[in-house]
Protein backbone atom coordinates (compact mmCIF):
# COMPACT_ATOMS: atom_id res chain seq x y z
CA MET A 1 30.40 -116.81 6.58
CA ASN A 2 29.98 -120.17 4.89
CA HIS A 3 29.33 -123.02 7.32
CA VAL A 4 29.94 -126.75 7.29
CA VAL A 5 26.49 -128.20 6.70
CA HIS A 6 27.17 -131.89 6.03
CA TRP A 7 29.92 -134.50 6.22
CA GLU A 8 30.32 -137.78 4.40
CA ILE A 9 32.23 -141.02 4.87
CA GLY A 10 32.45 -143.39 1.93
CA GLY A 11 33.52 -147.01 1.69
CA ARG A 12 32.91 -150.21 -0.25
CA ASP A 13 30.69 -152.09 2.26
CA LEU A 14 27.94 -149.67 3.30
CA ASP A 15 26.30 -152.07 5.77
CA ALA A 16 29.59 -152.75 7.56
CA LEU A 17 30.46 -149.05 7.55
CA ALA A 18 27.08 -148.14 9.08
CA ALA A 19 27.37 -150.91 11.69
CA PHE A 20 30.88 -149.73 12.64
CA TYR A 21 29.89 -146.11 13.25
CA GLU A 22 26.56 -146.99 14.87
CA GLU A 23 28.36 -149.23 17.37
CA LEU A 24 31.36 -146.94 17.87
CA PHE A 25 29.52 -143.63 18.31
CA GLY A 26 25.88 -144.61 18.81
CA TRP A 27 24.91 -143.00 15.51
CA LYS A 28 21.57 -143.87 13.95
CA SER A 29 21.42 -143.98 10.17
CA SER A 30 18.53 -144.37 7.77
CA SER A 31 18.49 -145.31 4.11
CA PHE A 32 18.29 -142.39 1.67
CA ASP A 33 18.77 -144.73 -1.28
CA PRO A 34 20.48 -148.13 -1.72
CA ASP A 35 23.94 -146.53 -1.78
CA TYR A 36 23.51 -143.82 0.85
CA ARG A 37 22.53 -143.63 4.51
CA LEU A 38 21.77 -140.36 6.32
CA VAL A 39 23.11 -139.88 9.83
CA GLU A 40 20.97 -137.47 11.84
CA ALA A 41 22.51 -135.32 14.55
CA ASP A 42 20.80 -134.41 17.83
CA GLU A 43 23.57 -131.83 18.16
CA GLY A 44 26.19 -130.71 15.68
CA VAL A 45 26.07 -131.38 11.96
CA GLY A 46 24.49 -134.48 10.46
CA GLY A 47 26.07 -136.38 7.62
CA GLY A 48 26.00 -139.42 5.44
CA LEU A 49 27.55 -142.77 4.76
CA MET A 50 28.02 -143.72 1.11
CA ARG A 51 28.82 -146.89 -0.81
CA CYS A 52 31.74 -146.04 -3.10
CA ARG A 53 31.63 -147.05 -6.73
CA ASP A 54 34.40 -149.36 -7.94
CA ASP A 55 36.39 -146.42 -9.34
CA MET A 56 36.27 -144.47 -6.05
CA PRO A 57 38.57 -144.77 -3.03
CA ALA A 58 37.24 -144.69 0.52
CA TYR A 59 37.05 -141.08 1.71
CA VAL A 60 35.96 -138.58 4.35
CA THR A 61 34.88 -135.08 3.34
CA ILE A 62 32.95 -132.08 4.57
CA TYR A 63 30.42 -129.96 2.70
CA VAL A 64 30.29 -126.18 3.02
CA GLU A 65 27.17 -124.21 2.05
CA VAL A 66 27.77 -121.59 -0.64
CA ASP A 67 25.55 -119.16 -2.54
CA ASP A 68 26.95 -119.94 -5.99
CA LEU A 69 28.61 -123.25 -6.88
CA SER A 70 30.15 -122.09 -10.16
CA ALA A 71 31.60 -118.93 -8.60
CA SER A 72 33.02 -120.96 -5.70
CA LEU A 73 34.63 -123.47 -8.08
CA ALA A 74 36.16 -120.62 -10.09
CA ALA A 75 37.47 -118.99 -6.89
CA ALA A 76 38.94 -122.30 -5.72
CA GLU A 77 40.77 -122.69 -9.02
CA ARG A 78 42.07 -119.11 -8.86
CA LEU A 79 43.40 -119.85 -5.35
CA GLY A 80 45.25 -123.01 -6.41
CA GLY A 81 42.52 -125.61 -5.98
CA THR A 82 41.07 -127.93 -8.61
CA PRO A 83 37.41 -128.42 -9.51
CA LEU A 84 36.67 -132.17 -9.39
CA LEU A 85 32.93 -132.45 -10.03
CA PRO A 86 30.72 -129.78 -11.62
CA PRO A 87 27.43 -128.69 -10.04
CA THR A 88 25.30 -131.82 -9.70
CA PRO A 89 21.65 -131.90 -8.58
CA ILE A 90 20.46 -133.85 -5.55
CA PRO A 91 16.67 -134.17 -5.92
CA GLY A 92 14.84 -132.49 -3.05
CA VAL A 93 18.09 -131.23 -1.48
CA GLY A 94 19.81 -128.81 -3.86
CA GLU A 95 23.02 -129.25 -5.80
CA PHE A 96 26.64 -129.90 -4.93
CA ALA A 97 30.11 -129.85 -6.46
CA LEU A 98 33.51 -131.17 -5.38
CA LEU A 99 36.91 -129.50 -5.42
CA SER A 100 40.36 -130.25 -4.09
CA ASP A 101 42.33 -127.71 -2.11
CA PRO A 102 46.01 -126.99 -2.93
CA GLU A 103 47.05 -129.89 -0.64
CA GLY A 104 44.78 -132.38 -2.42
CA ASN A 105 41.99 -132.59 0.18
CA THR A 106 38.55 -133.12 -1.33
CA ILE A 107 35.93 -130.60 -0.18
CA GLY A 108 32.27 -130.56 -1.10
CA ILE A 109 30.27 -127.40 -1.63
CA LEU A 110 26.49 -127.36 -1.41
CA HIS A 111 23.82 -124.94 -2.56
CA PRO A 112 20.52 -125.97 -0.91
CA ALA A 113 17.22 -125.98 -2.79
């Protein structure tokens, strides 16, 4: 079974976004790079907060671990979904891709290094 291994919340003002969730839920985040903060989990699944580019809307998505990104994108398309972003490397982490389900929800898939 493929499991949710990461979640992500994106918005324009990363500092305000981090402050909001840190105050609301007691989350602690640390800088991964200038546009991304990792949120560690003592329990459950950790995630990230991302500064959206100008051409991106604010969003919330989950990432599911898969064995083969290309095969998963092809299966999603066969089932009525739409590939949104091809396999993309994340140095030191693995690679990911994005798809939308038949209802338009964006889902991330991740193949770890």
